[in-house]
Amino acid sequence: MARFTRIQVAQVMDETGMVPLFYHKDPEVCQKVITACYKGGARLLEFTNRGDYAHEVFGEINKFAEKELPEMILGVGSVTDAGTASLYMQLGANFVVTPVFREDIAKVCNRKKVLWSPGCGSLTEIATAEEHGCEIVKIFPGSQLGPGFVKAIKAPCPWTSVMPTGGVSTDPENLKAWFDAGVTCVGMGSKLISKELLANEDFEGLEKHVRNTLKLIRELKND
């Protein structure tokens, strides 16, 4: 069962402005990454559902987070069907992120009042997701849609809260473009938790990188 309500999750997404994305098959590596992100100030992390037995890894690291990192909100991403969403919710997922909009996922998440964020690429998809109870819509792929898309949809629908994923980096100009366009938060994977940092086991460097990125985002949100 989720430890955080969907309202709490949405508030933290808005307050921090960033959701790190990460997957690794080794639970110990995951624990070190999550800890570094937590020390750097992150309070959310999306574990991407990739690789065999990914749900077993998630179960282990979610227990770890509950014990060692009590404010860390772990969720799951890359979910494409209701059965998988239900499986991860049984393991305590606090939010569910999908690459596409699916009504069946909306139903199982809403039934347990778990925040879900579907990937949408048009205003019609976004409106449909919101009609199905979506609080924060994932804009995907962000690399193809860009900040201009966000700015365009916010004009007729200023109430819409969006989180672009893909095409978001820690580069100040990139982040400024997204937040100037009106995003609520951004999802970042390898641009934040890079292969180089992992290969060198530079978890202190990761902590610093997360802290600096969150500081920049706070400044951009307060402009």
C-alpha atoms as a PDB file:
ATOM      1  CA  MET A   1       0.000   0.000   0.000  1.00  0.00           C
ATOM      2  CA  ALA A   2       1.239   3.501  -0.819  1.00  0.00           C
ATOM      3  CA  ARG A   3       2.657   5.429   2.149  1.00  0.00           C
ATOM      4  CA  PHE A   4       1.897   8.799   0.560  1.00  0.00           C
ATOM      5  CA  THR A   5      -1.429  10.041  -0.753  1.00  0.00           C
ATOM      6  CA  ARG A   6      -1.745  11.223  -4.340  1.00  0.00           C
ATOM      7  CA  ILE A   7      -2.256  14.748  -3.016  1.00  0.00           C
ATOM      8  CA  GLN A   8       1.019  14.558  -1.103  1.00  0.00           C
ATOM      9  CA  VAL A   9       2.828  13.203  -4.159  1.00  0.00           C
ATOM     10  CA  ALA A  10       1.499  15.964  -6.396  1.00  0.00           C
ATOM     11  CA  GLN A  11       2.498  18.597  -3.842  1.00  0.00           C
ATOM     12  CA  VAL A  12       6.052  17.292  -3.589  1.00  0.00           C
ATOM     13  CA  MET A  13       6.324  17.140  -7.387  1.00  0.00           C
ATOM     14  CA  ASP A  14       5.300  20.787  -7.491  1.00  0.00           C
ATOM     15  CA  GLU A  15       7.499  21.855  -4.584  1.00  0.00           C
ATOM     16  CA  THR A  16      10.729  20.147  -5.694  1.00  0.00           C
ATOM     17  CA  GLY A  17      10.180  20.453  -9.447  1.00  0.00           C
ATOM     18  CA  MET A  18      12.063  17.280 -10.325  1.00  0.00           C
ATOM     19  CA  VAL A  19      11.525  13.520 -10.501  1.00  0.00           C
ATOM     20  CA  PRO A  20      14.724  11.495 -11.064  1.00  0.00           C
ATOM     21  CA  LEU A  21      14.254   8.353 -13.195  1.00  0.00           C
ATOM     22  CA  PHE A  22      16.408   5.287 -12.641  1.00  0.00           C
ATOM     23  CA  TYR A  23      16.679   1.564 -13.188  1.00  0.00           C
ATOM     24  CA  HIS A  24      19.342  -0.955 -12.267  1.00  0.00           C
ATOM     25  CA  LYS A  25      19.074  -4.683 -11.760  1.00  0.00           C
ATOM     26  CA  ASP A  26      21.240  -4.619  -8.622  1.00  0.00           C
ATOM     27  CA  PRO A  27      19.271  -3.563  -5.507  1.00  0.00           C
ATOM     28  CA  GLU A  28      22.461  -2.431  -3.755  1.00  0.00           C
ATOM     29  CA  VAL A  29      23.310  -0.029  -6.560  1.00  0.00           C
ATOM     30  CA  CYS A  30      19.727   1.248  -6.455  1.00  0.00           C
ATOM     31  CA  GLN A  31      19.959   1.850  -2.731  1.00  0.00           C
ATOM     32  CA  LYS A  32      23.149   3.888  -3.165  1.00  0.00           C
ATOM     33  CA  VAL A  33      21.617   5.935  -5.964  1.00  0.00           C
ATOM     34  CA  ILE A  34      18.423   6.601  -4.032  1.00  0.00           C
ATOM     35  CA  THR A  35      20.413   7.576  -0.939  1.00  0.00           C
ATOM     36  CA  ALA A  36      22.569   9.992  -2.939  1.00  0.00           C
ATOM     37  CA  CYS A  37      19.484  11.573  -4.498  1.00  0.00           C
ATOM     38  CA  TYR A  38      17.866  11.841  -1.065  1.00  0.00           C
ATOM     39  CA  LYS A  39      20.938  13.480   0.476  1.00  0.00           C
ATOM     40  CA  GLY A  40      20.977  15.862  -2.461  1.00  0.00           C
ATOM     41  CA  GLY A  41      17.439  16.967  -1.630  1.00  0.00           C
ATOM     42  CA  ALA A  42      15.305  14.847  -3.963  1.00  0.00           C
ATOM     43  CA  ARG A  43      12.135  13.530  -2.374  1.00  0.00           C
ATOM     44  CA  LEU A  44      10.785  11.560  -5.335  1.00  0.00           C
ATOM     45  CA  LEU A  45      12.253   8.870  -7.562  1.00  0.00           C
ATOM     46  CA  GLU A  46      10.685   6.948 -10.425  1.00  0.00           C
ATOM     47  CA  PHE A  47      11.991   3.397 -10.716  1.00  0.00           C
ATOM     48  CA  THR A  48      11.558   2.461 -14.351  1.00  0.00           C
ATOM     49  CA  ASN A  49       9.988  -0.930 -14.998  1.00  0.00           C
ATOM     50  CA  ARG A  50      12.667  -2.383 -17.252  1.00  0.00           C
ATOM     51  CA  GLY A  51      14.485  -5.683 -17.161  1.00  0.00           C
ATOM     52  CA  ASP A  52      13.559  -9.083 -15.807  1.00  0.00           C
ATOM     53  CA  TYR A  53      12.376  -9.240 -12.192  1.00  0.00           C
ATOM     54  CA  ALA A  54      12.263  -5.430 -11.984  1.00  0.00           C
ATOM     55  CA  HIS A  55       9.331  -5.645  -9.576  1.00  0.00           C
ATOM     56  CA  GLU A  56      11.412  -7.722  -7.169  1.00  0.00           C
ATOM     57  CA  VAL A  57      14.128  -5.076  -7.161  1.00  0.00           C
ATOM     58  CA  PHE A  58      11.530  -2.391  -6.536  1.00  0.00           C
ATOM     59  CA  GLY A  59      10.103  -4.326  -3.609  1.00  0.00           C
ATOM     60  CA  GLU A  60      13.537  -4.467  -1.965  1.00  0.00           C
ATOM     61  CA  ILE A  61      14.428  -0.831  -2.465  1.00  0.00           C
ATOM     62  CA  ASN A  62      11.006   0.395  -1.375  1.00  0.00           C
ATOM     63  CA  LYS A  63      11.414  -1.454   1.931  1.00  0.00           C
ATOM     64  CA  PHE A  64      14.862   0.103   2.246  1.00  0.00           C
ATOM     65  CA  ALA A  65      13.488   3.586   1.591  1.00  0.00           C
ATOM     66  CA  GLU A  66      10.688   3.168   4.106  1.00  0.00           C
ATOM     67  CA  LYS A  67      13.238   2.276   6.798  1.00  0.00           C
ATOM     68  CA  GLU A  68      16.212   4.478   5.925  1.00  0.00           C
ATOM     69  CA  LEU A  69      14.811   7.358   3.844  1.00  0.00           C
ATOM     70  CA  PRO A  70      11.375   8.036   5.346  1.00  0.00           C
ATOM     71  CA  GLU A  71      10.557  11.098   3.210  1.00  0.00           C
ATOM     72  CA  MET A  72      11.526   9.492  -0.102  1.00  0.00           C
ATOM     73  CA  ILE A  73       8.513   8.866  -2.339  1.00  0.00           C
ATOM     74  CA  LEU A  74       9.201   5.940  -4.665  1.00  0.00           C
ATOM     75  CA  GLY A  75       7.054   5.312  -7.698  1.00  0.00           C
ATOM     76  CA  VAL A  76       7.239   3.239 -10.850  1.00  0.00           C
ATOM     77  CA  GLY A  77       7.500   4.208 -14.505  1.00  0.00           C
ATOM     78  CA  SER A  78       7.278   2.561 -17.933  1.00  0.00           C
ATOM     79  CA  VAL A  79       4.050   0.819 -16.932  1.00  0.00           C
ATOM     80  CA  THR A  80       1.917  -0.203 -19.917  1.00  0.00           C
ATOM     81  CA  ASP A  81      -0.978  -2.227 -18.464  1.00  0.00           C
ATOM     82  CA  ALA A  82      -3.261  -2.348 -15.436  1.00  0.00           C
ATOM     83  CA  GLY A  83      -1.874  -5.655 -14.190  1.00  0.00           C
ATOM     84  CA  THR A  84       1.634  -4.265 -13.893  1.00  0.00           C
ATOM     85  CA  ALA A  85       0.346  -1.136 -12.171  1.00  0.00           C
ATOM     86  CA  SER A  86      -1.527  -3.287  -9.655  1.00  0.00           C
ATOM     87  CA  LEU A  87       1.557  -5.430  -9.048  1.00  0.00           C
ATOM     88  CA  TYR A  88       3.692  -2.424  -8.186  1.00  0.00           C
ATOM     89  CA  MET A  89       0.971  -0.908  -6.021  1.00  0.00           C
ATOM     90  CA  GLN A  90       0.952  -4.154  -4.042  1.00  0.00           C
ATOM     91  CA  LEU A  91       4.667  -3.523  -3.491  1.00  0.00           C
ATOM     92  CA  GLY A  92       3.956  -0.018  -2.205  1.00  0.00           C
ATOM     93  CA  ALA A  93       4.423   2.172  -5.279  1.00  0.00           C
ATOM     94  CA  ASN A  94       3.369   5.717  -4.397  1.00  0.00           C
ATOM     95  CA  PHE A  95       2.785   6.815  -7.978  1.00  0.00           C
ATOM     96  CA  VAL A  96       2.566   5.233 -11.425  1.00  0.00           C
ATOM     97  CA  VAL A  97       3.945   6.786 -14.624  1.00  0.00           C
ATOM     98  CA  THR A  98       3.097   5.449 -18.067  1.00  0.00           C
ATOM     99  CA  PRO A  99       4.394   6.210 -21.588  1.00  0.00           C
ATOM    100  CA  VAL A 100       0.826   6.281 -22.963  1.00  0.00           C
ATOM    101  CA  PHE A 101      -2.698   7.048 -21.784  1.00  0.00           C
ATOM    102  CA  ARG A 102      -4.629   3.906 -20.810  1.00  0.00           C
ATOM    103  CA  GLU A 103      -8.031   3.945 -19.192  1.00  0.00           C
ATOM    104  CA  ASP A 104      -7.457   0.586 -17.489  1.00  0.00           C
ATOM    105  CA  ILE A 105      -4.438   1.974 -15.624  1.00  0.00           C
ATOM    106  CA  ALA A 106      -6.429   5.057 -14.648  1.00  0.00           C
ATOM    107  CA  LYS A 107      -9.102   2.867 -13.090  1.00  0.00           C
ATOM    108  CA  VAL A 108      -6.827   0.672 -10.979  1.00  0.00           C
ATOM    109  CA  CYS A 109      -4.822   3.671  -9.720  1.00  0.00           C
ATOM    110  CA  ASN A 110      -7.897   5.773  -8.970  1.00  0.00           C
ATOM    111  CA  ARG A 111      -9.463   2.852  -7.153  1.00  0.00           C
ATOM    112  CA  LYS A 112      -6.630   2.988  -4.603  1.00  0.00           C
ATOM    113  CA  LYS A 113      -6.165   6.759  -4.843  1.00  0.00           C
ATOM    114  CA  VAL A 114      -2.622   6.439  -6.186  1.00  0.00           C
ATOM    115  CA  LEU A 115      -1.316   9.261  -8.366  1.00  0.00           C
ATOM    116  CA  TRP A 116      -0.827   8.242 -11.990  1.00  0.00           C
ATOM    117  CA  SER A 117       0.800  10.264 -14.729  1.00  0.00           C
ATOM    118  CA  PRO A 118       0.193   9.119 -18.326  1.00  0.00           C
ATOM    119  CA  GLY A 119       2.363  10.050 -21.283  1.00  0.00           C
ATOM    120  CA  CYS A 120       0.418  12.367 -23.607  1.00  0.00           C
ATOM    121  CA  GLY A 121       1.358  14.053 -26.850  1.00  0.00           C
ATOM    122  CA  SER A 122      -1.695  16.138 -27.728  1.00  0.00           C
ATOM    123  CA  LEU A 123      -4.119  18.455 -25.990  1.00  0.00           C
ATOM    124  CA  THR A 124      -6.927  15.979 -26.630  1.00  0.00           C
ATOM    125  CA  GLU A 125      -4.988  13.225 -24.835  1.00  0.00           C
ATOM    126  CA  ILE A 126      -4.215  15.598 -21.973  1.00  0.00           C
ATOM    127  CA  ALA A 127      -7.870  16.590 -21.606  1.00  0.00           C
ATOM    128  CA  THR A 128      -8.923  12.940 -21.669  1.00  0.00           C
ATOM    129  CA  ALA A 129      -6.387  12.077 -18.991  1.00  0.00           C
ATOM    130  CA  GLU A 130      -7.613  14.926 -16.802  1.00  0.00           C
ATOM    131  CA  GLU A 131     -11.210  13.768 -17.275  1.00  0.00           C
ATOM    132  CA  HIS A 132     -10.014  10.415 -15.886  1.00  0.00           C
ATOM    133  CA  GLY A 133      -8.592  12.048 -12.758  1.00  0.00           C
ATOM    134  CA  CYS A 134      -4.999  12.756 -13.758  1.00  0.00           C
ATOM    135  CA  GLU A 135      -3.404  15.497 -11.660  1.00  0.00           C
ATOM    136  CA  ILE A 136      -0.017  15.882 -13.376  1.00  0.00           C
ATOM    137  CA  VAL A 137       0.285  14.843 -17.020  1.00  0.00           C
ATOM    138  CA  LYS A 138       3.508  13.450 -18.425  1.00  0.00           C
ATOM    139  CA  ILE A 139       4.495  15.159 -21.695  1.00  0.00           C
ATOM    140  CA  PHE A 140       6.206  12.487 -23.763  1.00  0.00           C
ATOM    141  CA  PRO A 141       8.428  12.404 -25.659  1.00  0.00           C
ATOM    142  CA  GLY A 142       9.633  15.778 -24.455  1.00  0.00           C
ATOM    143  CA  SER A 143      12.533  15.714 -26.902  1.00  0.00           C
ATOM    144  CA  GLN A 144      10.077  15.817 -29.808  1.00  0.00           C
ATOM    145  CA  LEU A 145       7.397  18.080 -28.340  1.00  0.00           C
ATOM    146  CA  GLY A 146       9.598  20.691 -26.667  1.00  0.00           C
ATOM    147  CA  PRO A 147       8.864  23.667 -24.389  1.00  0.00           C
ATOM    148  CA  GLY A 148       6.898  25.365 -27.166  1.00  0.00           C
ATOM    149  CA  PHE A 149       4.275  22.630 -26.958  1.00  0.00           C
ATOM    150  CA  VAL A 150       3.855  23.211 -23.227  1.00  0.00           C
ATOM    151  CA  LYS A 151       3.518  26.966 -23.699  1.00  0.00           C
ATOM    152  CA  ALA A 152       0.922  26.432 -26.409  1.00  0.00           C
ATOM    153  CA  ILE A 153      -1.305  24.110 -24.362  1.00  0.00           C
ATOM    154  CA  LYS A 154      -1.056  26.244 -21.227  1.00  0.00           C
ATOM    155  CA  ALA A 155      -2.633  29.177 -23.070  1.00  0.00           C
ATOM    156  CA  PRO A 156      -6.115  27.614 -23.463  1.00  0.00           C
ATOM    157  CA  CYS A 157      -5.724  25.286 -20.447  1.00  0.00           C
ATOM    158  CA  PRO A 158      -3.811  27.173 -17.717  1.00  0.00           C
ATOM    159  CA  TRP A 159      -5.011  24.691 -15.083  1.00  0.00           C
ATOM    160  CA  THR A 160      -3.085  21.838 -16.682  1.00  0.00           C
ATOM    161  CA  SER A 161      -0.034  20.600 -14.760  1.00  0.00           C
ATOM    162  CA  VAL A 162       2.633  18.891 -16.835  1.00  0.00           C
ATOM    163  CA  MET A 163       5.868  16.971 -16.377  1.00  0.00           C
ATOM    164  CA  PRO A 164       8.023  16.561 -19.497  1.00  0.00           C
ATOM    165  CA  THR A 165      10.193  13.470 -19.700  1.00  0.00           C
ATOM    166  CA  GLY A 166      12.786  12.898 -22.385  1.00  0.00           C
ATOM    167  CA  GLY A 167      14.665  15.862 -23.785  1.00  0.00           C
ATOM    168  CA  VAL A 168      15.202  17.372 -20.317  1.00  0.00           C
ATOM    169  CA  SER A 169      18.755  17.952 -19.134  1.00  0.00           C
ATOM    170  CA  THR A 170      20.486  19.685 -16.243  1.00  0.00           C
ATOM    171  CA  ASP A 171      21.736  22.395 -18.615  1.00  0.00           C
ATOM    172  CA  PRO A 172      20.534  25.769 -17.247  1.00  0.00           C
ATOM    173  CA  GLU A 173      19.224  26.939 -20.627  1.00  0.00           C
ATOM    174  CA  ASN A 174      17.280  23.709 -21.134  1.00  0.00           C
ATOM    175  CA  LEU A 175      15.688  23.858 -17.692  1.00  0.00           C
ATOM    176  CA  LYS A 176      14.905  27.561 -18.051  1.00  0.00           C
ATOM    177  CA  ALA A 177      13.090  26.916 -21.323  1.00  0.00           C
ATOM    178  CA  TRP A 178      10.892  24.242 -19.745  1.00  0.00           C
ATOM    179  CA  PHE A 179      10.021  26.186 -16.592  1.00  0.00           C
ATOM    180  CA  ASP A 180       9.476  29.422 -18.503  1.00  0.00           C
ATOM    181  CA  ALA A 181       6.975  27.457 -20.595  1.00  0.00           C
ATOM    182  CA  GLY A 182       5.051  26.566 -17.429  1.00  0.00           C
ATOM    183  CA  VAL A 183       5.931  23.000 -16.445  1.00  0.00           C
ATOM    184  CA  THR A 184       5.174  21.868 -12.899  1.00  0.00           C
ATOM    185  CA  CYS A 185       8.159  19.553 -12.706  1.00  0.00           C
ATOM    186  CA  VAL A 186      10.548  17.647 -14.970  1.00  0.00           C
ATOM    187  CA  GLY A 187      11.513  13.993 -15.192  1.00  0.00           C
ATOM    188  CA  MET A 188      15.220  13.312 -15.687  1.00  0.00           C
ATOM    189  CA  GLY A 189      17.053  10.041 -16.183  1.00  0.00           C
ATOM    190  CA  SER A 190      20.554   9.621 -17.600  1.00  0.00           C
ATOM    191  CA  LYS A 191      21.100  13.386 -17.875  1.00  0.00           C
ATOM    192  CA  LEU A 192      20.967  13.476 -14.087  1.00  0.00           C
ATOM    193  CA  ILE A 193      22.076   9.977 -13.050  1.00  0.00           C
ATOM    194  CA  SER A 194      24.714   9.488 -15.721  1.00  0.00           C
ATOM    195  CA  LYS A 195      26.416   6.265 -16.758  1.00  0.00           C
ATOM    196  CA  GLU A 196      29.742   7.908 -15.930  1.00  0.00           C
ATOM    197  CA  LEU A 197      28.746   8.591 -12.331  1.00  0.00           C
ATOM    198  CA  LEU A 198      27.507   5.024 -11.966  1.00  0.00           C
ATOM    199  CA  ALA A 199      30.581   3.483 -13.604  1.00  0.00           C
ATOM    200  CA  ASN A 200      32.846   5.416 -11.242  1.00  0.00           C
ATOM    201  CA  GLU A 201      30.555   4.731  -8.271  1.00  0.00           C
ATOM    202  CA  ASP A 202      30.713   8.465  -7.641  1.00  0.00           C
ATOM    203  CA  PHE A 203      27.718   8.700  -5.373  1.00  0.00           C
ATOM    204  CA  GLU A 204      29.040  11.833  -3.680  1.00  0.00           C
ATOM    205  CA  GLY A 205      29.240  13.415  -7.113  1.00  0.00           C
ATOM    206  CA  LEU A 206      25.658  12.349  -7.792  1.00  0.00           C
ATOM    207  CA  GLU A 207      24.526  13.887  -4.520  1.00  0.00           C
ATOM    208  CA  LYS A 208      26.194  17.171  -5.453  1.00  0.00           C
ATOM    209  CA  HIS A 209      24.739  17.068  -8.963  1.00  0.00           C
ATOM    210  CA  VAL A 210      21.213  16.539  -7.616  1.00  0.00           C
ATOM    211  CA  ARG A 211      21.625  19.323  -5.062  1.00  0.00           C
ATOM    212  CA  ASN A 212      22.854  21.815  -7.659  1.00  0.00           C
ATOM    213  CA  THR A 213      20.074  20.891 -10.095  1.00  0.00           C
ATOM    214  CA  LEU A 214      17.380  21.313  -7.455  1.00  0.00           C
ATOM    215  CA  LYS A 215      18.872  24.676  -6.474  1.00  0.00           C
ATOM    216  CA  LEU A 216      18.695  25.831 -10.085  1.00  0.00           C
ATOM    217  CA  ILE A 217      15.104  24.632 -10.413  1.00  0.00           C
ATOM    218  CA  ARG A 218      14.081  26.493  -7.249  1.00  0.00           C
ATOM    219  CA  GLU A 219      15.590  29.668  -8.664  1.00  0.00           C
ATOM    220  CA  LEU A 220      13.773  29.196 -11.969  1.00  0.00           C
ATOM    221  CA  LYS A 221      10.446  28.500 -10.282  1.00  0.00           C
ATOM    222  CA  ASN A 222      10.802  31.612  -8.141  1.00  0.00           C
ATOM    223  CA  ASP A 223      11.659  33.952 -11.024  1.00  0.00           C
END
